[in-house]
């Protein structure tokens, strides 16, 4: 405490009773109250204030200022550090979000391309299956036509052989039809005709 404080009739309200620290805001409020409640000098706007009390308050404010300034500096430094850390964490989160979004987009794009490729492959496979089926049907149809020609010749040969056995006159041998020539099949019985 200052040597001047005992001049006040009451305990000073601007000093913390536990820590003894001076609260600069309370000191400034006390100064304002002192000036506002001061008596005016006659025929003047000047005020009469108790010099000793005013000096004690100004001295208390001056002694409190370095502590208050140190606290303010620490608070500003803490704020700057907190802001820097928050900016860094925000940028990290933003980068992670962008990377995640890019990953999801690429997965979506890969999935879309895979689906498109799968659809194309299915269409190609279906077209190939239709082509093979048509070729198989054509092949089977040609073979059945050829077999039909061979069967028809065989039936005529059997009929001709039966007619010879019964003594009936044989029907004149006919020239091979165009289908028979295409098939290229010759019955073993054609040699007897």
N, C-alpha and C. Protein backbone atom coordinates (compact mmCIF):
# COMPACT_ATOMS: atom_id res chain seq x y z
N UNK A 1 0.83 -1.19 0.00
CA UNK A 1 0.00 0.00 0.00
C UNK A 1 0.87 1.25 0.00
N UNK A 2 0.31 2.30 -0.53
CA UNK A 2 1.05 3.56 -0.62
C UNK A 2 1.00 4.29 0.72
N UNK A 3 1.94 5.19 0.92
CA UNK A 3 1.97 5.99 2.14
C UNK A 3 0.78 6.93 2.20
N UNK A 4 0.21 7.25 1.05
CA UNK A 4 -0.87 8.23 1.01
C UNK A 4 -2.23 7.62 1.29
N UNK A 5 -2.39 6.32 1.15
CA UNK A 5 -3.71 5.70 1.30
C UNK A 5 -4.33 5.92 2.67
N UNK A 6 -3.58 5.92 3.76
CA UNK A 6 -4.22 6.09 5.05
C UNK A 6 -4.96 7.40 5.18
N UNK A 7 -4.79 8.36 4.29
CA UNK A 7 -5.48 9.63 4.38
C UNK A 7 -6.97 9.48 4.13
N UNK A 8 -7.38 8.36 3.40
CA UNK A 8 -8.80 8.15 3.13
C UNK A 8 -9.48 7.67 4.40
N UNK A 9 -10.69 8.13 4.61
CA UNK A 9 -11.42 7.76 5.82
C UNK A 9 -11.89 6.32 5.76
N UNK A 10 -12.21 5.82 4.55
CA UNK A 10 -12.71 4.47 4.39
C UNK A 10 -11.65 3.64 3.66
N UNK A 11 -11.77 2.29 3.72
CA UNK A 11 -10.84 1.48 2.95
C UNK A 11 -11.01 1.79 1.46
N UNK A 12 -9.92 1.70 0.72
CA UNK A 12 -9.97 2.05 -0.71
C UNK A 12 -10.68 0.94 -1.47
N UNK A 13 -11.69 1.31 -2.25
CA UNK A 13 -12.47 0.31 -2.97
C UNK A 13 -11.78 -0.21 -4.23
N UNK A 14 -10.70 0.43 -4.63
CA UNK A 14 -10.05 0.03 -5.88
C UNK A 14 -8.91 -0.94 -5.67
N UNK A 15 -8.67 -1.38 -4.46
CA UNK A 15 -7.63 -2.37 -4.19
C UNK A 15 -8.31 -3.66 -3.73
N UNK A 16 -7.94 -4.79 -4.35
CA UNK A 16 -8.49 -6.09 -3.97
C UNK A 16 -8.04 -6.42 -2.55
N UNK A 17 -9.00 -6.67 -1.63
CA UNK A 17 -8.62 -6.90 -0.24
C UNK A 17 -7.82 -8.19 -0.03
N UNK A 18 -7.96 -9.18 -0.91
CA UNK A 18 -7.26 -10.45 -0.74
C UNK A 18 -5.87 -10.37 -1.35
N UNK A 19 -5.78 -9.99 -2.62
CA UNK A 19 -4.50 -9.99 -3.32
C UNK A 19 -3.75 -8.68 -3.17
N UNK A 20 -4.45 -7.60 -2.86
CA UNK A 20 -3.81 -6.29 -2.75
C UNK A 20 -3.57 -5.66 -4.10
N UNK A 21 -4.05 -6.27 -5.17
CA UNK A 21 -3.84 -5.74 -6.53
C UNK A 21 -4.78 -4.56 -6.75
N UNK A 22 -4.30 -3.59 -7.51
CA UNK A 22 -5.08 -2.40 -7.84
C UNK A 22 -5.87 -2.67 -9.11
N UNK A 23 -7.18 -2.38 -9.07
CA UNK A 23 -8.03 -2.52 -10.25
C UNK A 23 -8.08 -1.16 -10.93
N UNK A 24 -7.43 -1.06 -12.06
CA UNK A 24 -7.29 0.22 -12.76
C UNK A 24 -8.64 0.82 -13.12
N UNK A 25 -9.59 0.00 -13.47
CA UNK A 25 -10.91 0.51 -13.84
C UNK A 25 -11.58 1.16 -12.65
N UNK A 26 -11.46 0.56 -11.48
CA UNK A 26 -12.05 1.15 -10.28
C UNK A 26 -11.34 2.46 -9.91
N UNK A 27 -10.02 2.51 -10.10
CA UNK A 27 -9.28 3.75 -9.82
C UNK A 27 -9.76 4.86 -10.73
N UNK A 28 -9.91 4.56 -12.02
CA UNK A 28 -10.37 5.59 -12.96
C UNK A 28 -11.80 6.02 -12.64
N UNK A 29 -12.66 5.09 -12.27
CA UNK A 29 -14.02 5.45 -11.86
C UNK A 29 -13.99 6.37 -10.63
N UNK A 30 -13.12 6.08 -9.68
CA UNK A 30 -12.99 6.90 -8.48
C UNK A 30 -12.52 8.30 -8.85
N UNK A 31 -11.58 8.41 -9.81
CA UNK A 31 -11.12 9.72 -10.25
C UNK A 31 -12.27 10.52 -10.88
N UNK A 32 -13.06 9.84 -11.70
CA UNK A 32 -14.19 10.53 -12.35
C UNK A 32 -15.18 11.01 -11.31
N UNK A 33 -15.49 10.17 -10.33
CA UNK A 33 -16.43 10.58 -9.27
C UNK A 33 -15.86 11.77 -8.50
N UNK A 34 -14.56 11.75 -8.21
CA UNK A 34 -13.93 12.84 -7.46
C UNK A 34 -14.03 14.15 -8.21
N UNK A 35 -13.77 14.11 -9.52
CA UNK A 35 -13.83 15.34 -10.31
C UNK A 35 -15.26 15.81 -10.47
N UNK A 36 -16.18 14.89 -10.71
CA UNK A 36 -17.59 15.28 -10.89
C UNK A 36 -18.19 15.84 -9.60
N UNK A 37 -17.79 15.31 -8.47
CA UNK A 37 -18.37 15.78 -7.21
C UNK A 37 -17.57 16.93 -6.58
N UNK A 38 -16.51 17.38 -7.24
CA UNK A 38 -15.68 18.47 -6.71
C UNK A 38 -16.46 19.78 -6.74
N UNK A 39 -16.16 20.63 -5.79
CA UNK A 39 -16.80 21.96 -5.73
C UNK A 39 -16.17 22.85 -6.79
N UNK A 40 -17.01 23.69 -7.36
CA UNK A 40 -16.53 24.62 -8.39
C UNK A 40 -15.97 25.87 -7.70
N UNK A 41 -15.01 26.47 -8.39
CA UNK A 41 -14.48 27.74 -7.93
C UNK A 41 -15.46 28.83 -8.31
N UNK A 42 -15.63 29.80 -7.50
CA UNK A 42 -16.59 30.87 -7.83
C UNK A 42 -16.20 31.56 -9.14
N UNK A 43 -17.18 31.78 -9.94
CA UNK A 43 -17.06 32.48 -11.22
C UNK A 43 -16.07 31.79 -12.16
N UNK A 44 -15.99 30.43 -12.08
CA UNK A 44 -15.05 29.70 -12.92
C UNK A 44 -15.59 28.30 -13.16
N UNK A 45 -15.10 27.66 -14.21
CA UNK A 45 -15.48 26.27 -14.48
C UNK A 45 -14.48 25.31 -13.88
N UNK A 46 -13.49 25.83 -13.18
CA UNK A 46 -12.49 24.99 -12.55
C UNK A 46 -13.07 24.38 -11.28
N UNK A 47 -12.51 23.19 -10.95
CA UNK A 47 -13.00 22.47 -9.78
C UNK A 47 -11.92 22.42 -8.72
N UNK A 48 -12.37 22.36 -7.46
CA UNK A 48 -11.43 22.24 -6.36
C UNK A 48 -11.46 20.78 -5.94
N UNK A 49 -10.31 20.09 -6.06
CA UNK A 49 -10.22 18.67 -5.70
C UNK A 49 -9.15 18.51 -4.63
N UNK A 50 -9.32 17.53 -3.77
CA UNK A 50 -8.28 17.31 -2.76
C UNK A 50 -7.02 16.75 -3.44
N UNK A 51 -5.98 17.55 -3.40
CA UNK A 51 -4.75 17.22 -4.10
C UNK A 51 -4.17 15.89 -3.63
N UNK A 52 -4.08 15.65 -2.36
CA UNK A 52 -3.48 14.41 -1.84
C UNK A 52 -4.23 13.17 -2.33
N UNK A 53 -5.57 13.25 -2.27
CA UNK A 53 -6.36 12.10 -2.72
C UNK A 53 -6.20 11.88 -4.22
N UNK A 54 -6.16 13.00 -4.96
CA UNK A 54 -5.97 12.90 -6.41
C UNK A 54 -4.61 12.29 -6.73
N UNK A 55 -3.59 12.67 -6.05
CA UNK A 55 -2.25 12.14 -6.29
C UNK A 55 -2.23 10.64 -5.94
N UNK A 56 -2.89 10.25 -4.85
CA UNK A 56 -2.93 8.84 -4.47
C UNK A 56 -3.60 8.03 -5.58
N UNK A 57 -4.72 8.52 -6.10
CA UNK A 57 -5.43 7.80 -7.17
C UNK A 57 -4.60 7.73 -8.44
N UNK A 58 -3.97 8.84 -8.81
CA UNK A 58 -3.15 8.84 -10.02
C UNK A 58 -1.95 7.92 -9.83
N UNK A 59 -1.34 7.93 -8.65
CA UNK A 59 -0.21 7.04 -8.37
C UNK A 59 -0.65 5.58 -8.41
N UNK A 60 -1.85 5.29 -7.86
CA UNK A 60 -2.37 3.92 -7.91
C UNK A 60 -2.62 3.49 -9.35
N UNK A 61 -3.15 4.40 -10.15
CA UNK A 61 -3.40 4.08 -11.56
C UNK A 61 -2.09 3.83 -12.29
N UNK A 62 -1.09 4.70 -12.00
CA UNK A 62 0.20 4.56 -12.65
C UNK A 62 0.87 3.25 -12.23
N UNK A 63 0.77 2.88 -10.98
CA UNK A 63 1.38 1.62 -10.54
C UNK A 63 0.63 0.40 -11.08
N UNK A 64 -0.68 0.56 -11.31
CA UNK A 64 -1.47 -0.57 -11.83
C UNK A 64 -1.29 -0.74 -13.33
N UNK A 65 -0.95 0.34 -14.01
CA UNK A 65 -0.86 0.26 -15.47
C UNK A 65 0.15 -0.77 -15.97
N UNK A 66 1.36 -0.86 -15.46
CA UNK A 66 2.28 -1.89 -15.99
C UNK A 66 1.71 -3.30 -15.84
N UNK A 67 1.09 -3.59 -14.72
CA UNK A 67 0.47 -4.92 -14.55
C UNK A 67 -0.67 -5.13 -15.53
N UNK A 68 -1.52 -4.10 -15.64
CA UNK A 68 -2.64 -4.19 -16.57
C UNK A 68 -2.15 -4.33 -18.01
N UNK A 69 -1.10 -3.57 -18.34
CA UNK A 69 -0.56 -3.66 -19.69
C UNK A 69 0.06 -5.03 -19.94
N UNK A 70 0.73 -5.56 -18.92
CA UNK A 70 1.32 -6.90 -19.07
C UNK A 70 0.22 -7.93 -19.27
N UNK A 71 -0.87 -7.81 -18.51
CA UNK A 71 -2.01 -8.73 -18.67
C UNK A 71 -2.60 -8.57 -20.07
N UNK A 72 -2.75 -7.31 -20.50
CA UNK A 72 -3.30 -7.07 -21.84
C UNK A 72 -2.41 -7.66 -22.91
N UNK A 73 -1.08 -7.46 -22.73
CA UNK A 73 -0.15 -8.03 -23.72
C UNK A 73 -0.25 -9.55 -23.74
N UNK A 74 -0.30 -10.15 -22.54
CA UNK A 74 -0.43 -11.61 -22.47
C UNK A 74 -1.72 -12.08 -23.14
N UNK A 75 -2.79 -11.33 -22.87
CA UNK A 75 -4.08 -11.70 -23.48
C UNK A 75 -4.01 -11.58 -24.99
N UNK A 76 -3.38 -10.51 -25.48
CA UNK A 76 -3.23 -10.35 -26.93
C UNK A 76 -2.37 -11.45 -27.52
N UNK A 77 -1.29 -11.80 -26.81
CA UNK A 77 -0.41 -12.87 -27.28
C UNK A 77 -1.18 -14.20 -27.29
N UNK A 78 -1.93 -14.46 -26.20
CA UNK A 78 -2.74 -15.68 -26.15
C UNK A 78 -3.77 -15.70 -27.27
N UNK A 79 -4.36 -14.52 -27.50
CA UNK A 79 -5.35 -14.42 -28.57
C UNK A 79 -4.70 -14.71 -29.92
N UNK A 80 -3.52 -14.13 -30.16
CA UNK A 80 -2.81 -14.36 -31.43
C UNK A 80 -2.46 -15.83 -31.60
N UNK A 81 -1.98 -16.45 -30.51
CA UNK A 81 -1.65 -17.88 -30.58
C UNK A 81 -2.89 -18.71 -30.84
N UNK A 82 -3.96 -18.39 -30.13
CA UNK A 82 -5.22 -19.12 -30.30
C UNK A 82 -5.74 -18.94 -31.73
N UNK A 83 -5.65 -17.69 -32.22
CA UNK A 83 -6.11 -17.42 -33.58
C UNK A 83 -5.26 -18.19 -34.60
N UNK A 84 -3.93 -18.19 -34.39
CA UNK A 84 -3.04 -18.93 -35.30
C UNK A 84 -3.36 -20.41 -35.29
N UNK A 85 -3.56 -20.95 -34.09
CA UNK A 85 -3.88 -22.37 -33.98
C UNK A 85 -5.23 -22.68 -34.64
N UNK A 86 -6.21 -21.80 -34.41
CA UNK A 86 -7.53 -21.99 -35.02
C UNK A 86 -7.44 -21.91 -36.54
N UNK A 87 -6.64 -20.93 -37.05
CA UNK A 87 -6.46 -20.82 -38.51
C UNK A 87 -5.80 -22.07 -39.08
N UNK A 88 -4.77 -22.57 -38.36
CA UNK A 88 -4.08 -23.78 -38.82
C UNK A 88 -5.02 -24.98 -38.83
N UNK A 89 -5.77 -25.15 -37.73
CA UNK A 89 -6.70 -26.28 -37.66
C UNK A 89 -7.80 -26.15 -38.71
N UNK A 90 -8.26 -24.92 -38.94
CA UNK A 90 -9.29 -24.71 -39.96
C UNK A 90 -8.75 -25.05 -41.35
N UNK A 91 -7.50 -24.64 -41.62
CA UNK A 91 -6.93 -24.96 -42.93
C UNK A 91 -6.72 -26.47 -43.08
N UNK A 92 -6.31 -27.13 -41.98
CA UNK A 92 -6.15 -28.59 -42.03
C UNK A 92 -7.49 -29.27 -42.28
N UNK A 93 -8.52 -28.81 -41.59
CA UNK A 93 -9.86 -29.38 -41.80
C UNK A 93 -10.34 -29.14 -43.22
N UNK A 94 -10.08 -27.95 -43.72
CA UNK A 94 -10.50 -27.63 -45.09
C UNK A 94 -9.77 -28.50 -46.10
N UNK A 95 -8.46 -28.68 -45.91
CA UNK A 95 -7.70 -29.55 -46.81
C UNK A 95 -8.19 -30.99 -46.74
N UNK A 96 -8.47 -31.46 -45.52
CA UNK A 96 -8.98 -32.83 -45.35
C UNK A 96 -10.34 -32.97 -46.02
N UNK A 97 -11.19 -31.96 -45.87
CA UNK A 97 -12.52 -32.01 -46.50
C UNK A 97 -12.39 -32.01 -48.02
N UNK A 98 -11.47 -31.19 -48.55
CA UNK A 98 -11.27 -31.16 -50.00
C UNK A 98 -10.76 -32.50 -50.50
N UNK A 99 -9.81 -33.09 -49.75
CA UNK A 99 -9.26 -34.39 -50.14
C UNK A 99 -10.35 -35.46 -50.10
N UNK A 100 -11.17 -35.43 -49.06
CA UNK A 100 -12.27 -36.40 -48.94
C UNK A 100 -13.27 -36.22 -50.08
N UNK A 101 -13.58 -34.96 -50.38
CA UNK A 101 -14.51 -34.69 -51.48
C UNK A 101 -13.93 -35.18 -52.80
N UNK A 102 -12.64 -34.91 -53.02
CA UNK A 102 -12.00 -35.38 -54.27
C UNK A 102 -12.01 -36.89 -54.33
N UNK A 103 -11.75 -37.54 -53.20
CA UNK A 103 -11.76 -39.00 -53.15
C UNK A 103 -13.15 -39.54 -53.48
N UNK A 104 -14.17 -38.92 -52.88
CA UNK A 104 -15.54 -39.37 -53.15
C UNK A 104 -15.92 -39.14 -54.60
N UNK A 105 -15.50 -37.99 -55.14
CA UNK A 105 -15.79 -37.71 -56.55
C UNK A 105 -15.09 -38.73 -57.44
N UNK A 106 -13.82 -39.03 -57.13
CA UNK A 106 -13.10 -39.98 -57.97
C UNK A 106 -13.72 -41.37 -57.85
N UNK A 107 -14.14 -41.74 -56.61
CA UNK A 107 -14.80 -43.05 -56.46
C UNK A 107 -16.10 -43.07 -57.24
N UNK A 108 -16.83 -41.96 -57.21
CA UNK A 108 -18.08 -41.87 -57.96
C UNK A 108 -17.80 -41.97 -59.45
N UNK A 109 -16.74 -41.27 -59.90
CA UNK A 109 -16.38 -41.30 -61.32
C UNK A 109 -15.94 -42.70 -61.72
N UNK A 110 -15.13 -43.35 -60.88
CA UNK A 110 -14.68 -44.71 -61.18
C UNK A 110 -15.89 -45.65 -61.25
N UNK A 111 -16.81 -45.50 -60.29
CA UNK A 111 -18.01 -46.34 -60.28
C UNK A 111 -18.84 -46.09 -61.53
N UNK A 112 -18.97 -44.81 -61.91
CA UNK A 112 -19.75 -44.49 -63.11
C UNK A 112 -19.10 -45.10 -64.35
N UNK A 113 -17.77 -44.98 -64.45
CA UNK A 113 -17.06 -45.54 -65.60
C UNK A 113 -17.15 -47.06 -65.60
N UNK A 114 -17.04 -47.67 -64.41
CA UNK A 114 -17.15 -49.14 -64.33
C UNK A 114 -18.54 -49.59 -64.75
N UNK A 115 -19.56 -48.88 -64.31
CA UNK A 115 -20.93 -49.24 -64.69
C UNK A 115 -21.12 -49.09 -66.19
N UNK A 116 -20.59 -47.99 -66.75
CA UNK A 116 -20.70 -47.77 -68.18
C UNK A 116 -19.97 -48.87 -68.95
N UNK A 117 -18.77 -49.23 -68.49
CA UNK A 117 -18.00 -50.30 -69.14
C UNK A 117 -18.72 -51.63 -69.02
N UNK A 118 -19.33 -51.89 -67.86
CA UNK A 118 -20.06 -53.15 -67.67
C UNK A 118 -21.27 -53.20 -68.61
N UNK A 119 -21.97 -52.09 -68.74
CA UNK A 119 -23.12 -52.05 -69.65
C UNK A 119 -22.68 -52.28 -71.08
N UNK A 120 -21.55 -51.66 -71.47
CA UNK A 120 -21.04 -51.86 -72.83
C UNK A 120 -20.66 -53.31 -73.06
N UNK A 121 -20.00 -53.92 -72.06
CA UNK A 121 -19.59 -55.32 -72.19
C UNK A 121 -20.82 -56.24 -72.29
N UNK A 122 -21.87 -55.94 -71.54
CA UNK A 122 -23.09 -56.74 -71.61
C UNK A 122 -23.71 -56.63 -73.00
N UNK A 123 -23.76 -55.39 -73.52
CA UNK A 123 -24.32 -55.21 -74.86
C UNK A 123 -23.49 -55.95 -75.90
N UNK A 124 -22.16 -55.87 -75.78
CA UNK A 124 -21.28 -56.59 -76.71
C UNK A 124 -21.49 -58.10 -76.60
N UNK A 125 -21.61 -58.60 -75.38
CA UNK A 125 -21.80 -60.05 -75.17
C UNK A 125 -23.15 -60.49 -75.74
N UNK A 126 -24.18 -59.68 -75.54
CA UNK A 126 -25.49 -60.03 -76.10
C UNK A 126 -25.45 -60.05 -77.62
N UNK A 127 -24.76 -59.06 -78.23
CA UNK A 127 -24.65 -59.01 -79.69
C UNK A 127 -23.87 -60.22 -80.19
N UNK A 128 -22.77 -60.58 -79.49
CA UNK A 128 -21.98 -61.75 -79.87
C UNK A 128 -22.81 -63.02 -79.73
N UNK A 129 -23.61 -63.11 -78.67
CA UNK A 129 -24.45 -64.29 -78.47
C UNK A 129 -25.49 -64.41 -79.59
N UNK A 130 -26.09 -63.27 -80.00
CA UNK A 130 -27.05 -63.30 -81.11
C UNK A 130 -26.37 -63.76 -82.41
N UNK A 131 -25.16 -63.23 -82.65
CA UNK A 131 -24.44 -63.61 -83.87
C UNK A 131 -24.14 -65.11 -83.87
N UNK A 132 -23.64 -65.61 -82.74
CA UNK A 132 -23.32 -67.05 -82.65
C UNK A 132 -24.59 -67.89 -82.80
N UNK A 133 -25.68 -67.45 -82.17
CA UNK A 133 -26.94 -68.19 -82.27
C UNK A 133 -27.41 -68.23 -83.73
N UNK A 134 -27.34 -67.09 -84.44
CA UNK A 134 -27.75 -67.07 -85.85
C UNK A 134 -26.86 -67.97 -86.70
N UNK A 135 -25.55 -67.90 -86.44
CA UNK A 135 -24.63 -68.78 -87.19
C UNK A 135 -24.94 -70.25 -86.90
N UNK A 136 -25.22 -70.56 -85.65
CA UNK A 136 -25.54 -71.95 -85.29
C UNK A 136 -26.85 -72.39 -85.95
N UNK A 137 -27.84 -71.51 -85.92
CA UNK A 137 -29.11 -71.85 -86.56
C UNK A 137 -28.92 -72.08 -88.06
N UNK A 138 -28.13 -71.20 -88.71
CA UNK A 138 -27.86 -71.37 -90.15
C UNK A 138 -27.13 -72.68 -90.41
N UNK A 139 -26.13 -72.99 -89.57
CA UNK A 139 -25.37 -74.24 -89.73
C UNK A 139 -26.28 -75.45 -89.57
N UNK A 140 -27.11 -75.43 -88.51
CA UNK A 140 -28.03 -76.57 -88.28
C UNK A 140 -29.02 -76.67 -89.43
N UNK A 141 -29.53 -75.54 -89.92
CA UNK A 141 -30.50 -75.57 -91.02
C UNK A 141 -29.86 -76.16 -92.28
N UNK A 142 -28.59 -75.78 -92.58
CA UNK A 142 -27.91 -76.34 -93.75
C UNK A 142 -27.72 -77.86 -93.59
N UNK A 143 -27.29 -78.27 -92.38
CA UNK A 143 -27.09 -79.71 -92.14
C UNK A 143 -28.40 -80.48 -92.23
N UNK A 144 -29.49 -79.91 -91.69
CA UNK A 144 -30.78 -80.60 -91.78
C UNK A 144 -31.26 -80.68 -93.23
N UNK A 145 -31.02 -79.61 -94.00
CA UNK A 145 -31.40 -79.64 -95.43
C UNK A 145 -30.60 -80.71 -96.15
N UNK A 146 -29.32 -80.79 -95.85
CA UNK A 146 -28.48 -81.81 -96.46
C UNK A 146 -28.96 -83.21 -96.05
N UNK A 147 -29.27 -83.37 -94.75
CA UNK A 147 -29.75 -84.67 -94.27
C UNK A 147 -31.09 -85.03 -94.92
N UNK A 148 -31.93 -84.01 -95.11
CA UNK A 148 -33.23 -84.24 -95.77
C UNK A 148 -33.02 -84.73 -97.19
N UNK A 149 -32.06 -84.17 -97.90
CA UNK A 149 -31.76 -84.60 -99.27
C UNK A 149 -31.27 -86.03 -99.27
N UNK A 150 -30.37 -86.35 -98.33
CA UNK A 150 -29.84 -87.72 -98.26
C UNK A 150 -30.97 -88.69 -97.94
N UNK A 151 -31.83 -88.29 -97.00
CA UNK A 151 -32.96 -89.17 -96.65
C UNK A 151 -33.89 -89.36 -97.85
N UNK A 152 -34.15 -88.26 -98.57
CA UNK A 152 -35.03 -88.35 -99.73
C UNK A 152 -34.42 -89.30 -100.78
N UNK A 153 -33.13 -89.23 -101.06
CA UNK A 153 -32.46 -90.14 -101.99
C UNK A 153 -32.52 -91.57 -101.47
N UNK A 154 -32.31 -91.68 -100.16
CA UNK A 154 -32.34 -93.03 -99.58
C UNK A 154 -33.72 -93.63 -99.75
N UNK A 155 -34.76 -92.83 -99.50
CA UNK A 155 -36.12 -93.34 -99.66
C UNK A 155 -36.36 -93.73 -101.12
N UNK A 156 -35.94 -92.92 -102.06
CA UNK A 156 -36.13 -93.27 -103.48
C UNK A 156 -35.34 -94.52 -103.86
N UNK A 157 -34.14 -94.63 -103.29
CA UNK A 157 -33.33 -95.81 -103.58
C UNK A 157 -33.99 -97.06 -103.02
N UNK A 158 -34.51 -96.93 -101.78
CA UNK A 158 -35.20 -98.08 -101.16
C UNK A 158 -36.44 -98.44 -101.99
N UNK A 159 -37.20 -97.46 -102.43
CA UNK A 159 -38.39 -97.73 -103.24
C UNK A 159 -37.99 -98.39 -104.56
N UNK A 160 -36.92 -97.89 -105.16
CA UNK A 160 -36.47 -98.49 -106.42
C UNK A 160 -36.02 -99.92 -106.20
N UNK A 161 -35.33 -100.18 -105.09
CA UNK A 161 -34.89 -101.54 -104.80
C UNK A 161 -36.07 -102.46 -104.55
N UNK A 162 -37.09 -102.02 -103.89
CA UNK A 162 -38.27 -102.84 -103.63
C UNK A 162 -39.02 -103.12 -104.94
N UNK A 163 -39.08 -102.13 -105.81
CA UNK A 163 -39.75 -102.32 -107.08
C UNK A 163 -39.01 -103.34 -107.93
N UNK A 164 -37.70 -103.36 -107.87
CA UNK A 164 -36.92 -104.36 -108.61
C UNK A 164 -37.21 -105.76 -108.08
N UNK A 165 -37.33 -105.84 -106.79
CA UNK A 165 -37.61 -107.14 -106.18
C UNK A 165 -39.01 -107.65 -106.58
N UNK A 166 -39.92 -106.78 -106.69
CA UNK A 166 -41.28 -107.19 -107.05
C UNK A 166 -41.45 -107.30 -108.55
N UNK A 167 -40.55 -106.89 -109.32
CA UNK A 167 -40.58 -106.99 -110.77
C UNK A 167 -41.30 -105.85 -111.43
N UNK A 168 -41.66 -104.87 -110.70
CA UNK A 168 -42.33 -103.72 -111.29
C UNK A 168 -41.29 -102.87 -112.00
N UNK A 169 -41.70 -102.19 -113.07
CA UNK A 169 -40.74 -101.37 -113.79
C UNK A 169 -40.23 -100.22 -112.90
N UNK A 170 -38.97 -100.02 -112.93
CA UNK A 170 -38.35 -98.98 -112.11
C UNK A 170 -38.59 -97.61 -112.71
N UNK A 171 -38.79 -96.67 -111.84
CA UNK A 171 -38.96 -95.28 -112.29
C UNK A 171 -37.62 -94.80 -112.79
N UNK A 172 -37.65 -94.03 -113.89
CA UNK A 172 -36.37 -93.56 -114.42
C UNK A 172 -35.63 -92.74 -113.35
N UNK A 173 -34.33 -92.94 -113.29
CA UNK A 173 -33.50 -92.21 -112.32
C UNK A 173 -33.50 -90.75 -112.70
N UNK A 174 -33.75 -89.93 -111.71
CA UNK A 174 -33.81 -88.49 -111.98
C UNK A 174 -32.44 -87.88 -111.74
N UNK A 175 -32.24 -86.81 -112.42
CA UNK A 175 -30.98 -86.07 -112.24
C UNK A 175 -30.99 -85.44 -110.84
N UNK A 176 -29.82 -85.31 -110.25
CA UNK A 176 -29.80 -84.68 -108.91
C UNK A 176 -30.31 -83.23 -108.98
N UNK A 177 -31.06 -82.89 -107.96
CA UNK A 177 -31.59 -81.52 -107.93
C UNK A 177 -30.48 -80.56 -107.54
N UNK A 178 -30.78 -79.28 -107.68
CA UNK A 178 -29.79 -78.27 -107.35
C UNK A 178 -29.42 -78.35 -105.87
N UNK A 179 -30.41 -78.59 -105.00
CA UNK A 179 -30.15 -78.71 -103.56
C UNK A 179 -29.22 -79.88 -103.29
N UNK A 180 -29.42 -81.00 -104.07
CA UNK A 180 -28.56 -82.17 -103.88
C UNK A 180 -27.13 -81.86 -104.29
N UNK A 181 -26.98 -81.12 -105.36
CA UNK A 181 -25.65 -80.76 -105.81
C UNK A 181 -24.96 -79.84 -104.79
N UNK A 182 -25.74 -78.91 -104.20
CA UNK A 182 -25.18 -78.00 -103.21
C UNK A 182 -24.74 -78.79 -101.99
N UNK A 183 -25.59 -79.72 -101.56
CA UNK A 183 -25.27 -80.51 -100.39
C UNK A 183 -24.05 -81.37 -100.65
N UNK A 184 -23.88 -81.81 -101.90
CA UNK A 184 -22.71 -82.60 -102.26
C UNK A 184 -22.73 -83.98 -101.66
N UNK A 185 -23.89 -84.42 -101.22
CA UNK A 185 -24.01 -85.73 -100.61
C UNK A 185 -24.43 -86.73 -101.69
N UNK A 186 -23.79 -87.85 -101.75
CA UNK A 186 -24.14 -88.92 -102.69
C UNK A 186 -24.44 -90.16 -101.89
N UNK A 187 -25.65 -90.69 -102.10
CA UNK A 187 -26.04 -91.89 -101.36
C UNK A 187 -25.26 -93.09 -101.88
N UNK A 188 -24.91 -94.04 -101.02
CA UNK A 188 -24.23 -95.25 -101.50
C UNK A 188 -25.09 -96.02 -102.47
N UNK A 189 -26.41 -95.82 -102.45
CA UNK A 189 -27.29 -96.55 -103.34
C UNK A 189 -27.39 -95.94 -104.72
N UNK A 190 -26.90 -94.71 -104.89
CA UNK A 190 -26.96 -94.04 -106.20
C UNK A 190 -26.12 -94.78 -107.23
N UNK A 191 -25.18 -95.54 -106.82
CA UNK A 191 -24.32 -96.22 -107.76
C UNK A 191 -25.08 -97.32 -108.50
N UNK A 192 -26.17 -97.85 -107.91
CA UNK A 192 -26.92 -98.93 -108.55
C UNK A 192 -27.85 -98.40 -109.61
N UNK A 193 -28.19 -97.20 -109.63
CA UNK A 193 -29.18 -96.66 -110.58
C UNK A 193 -28.62 -96.54 -111.95
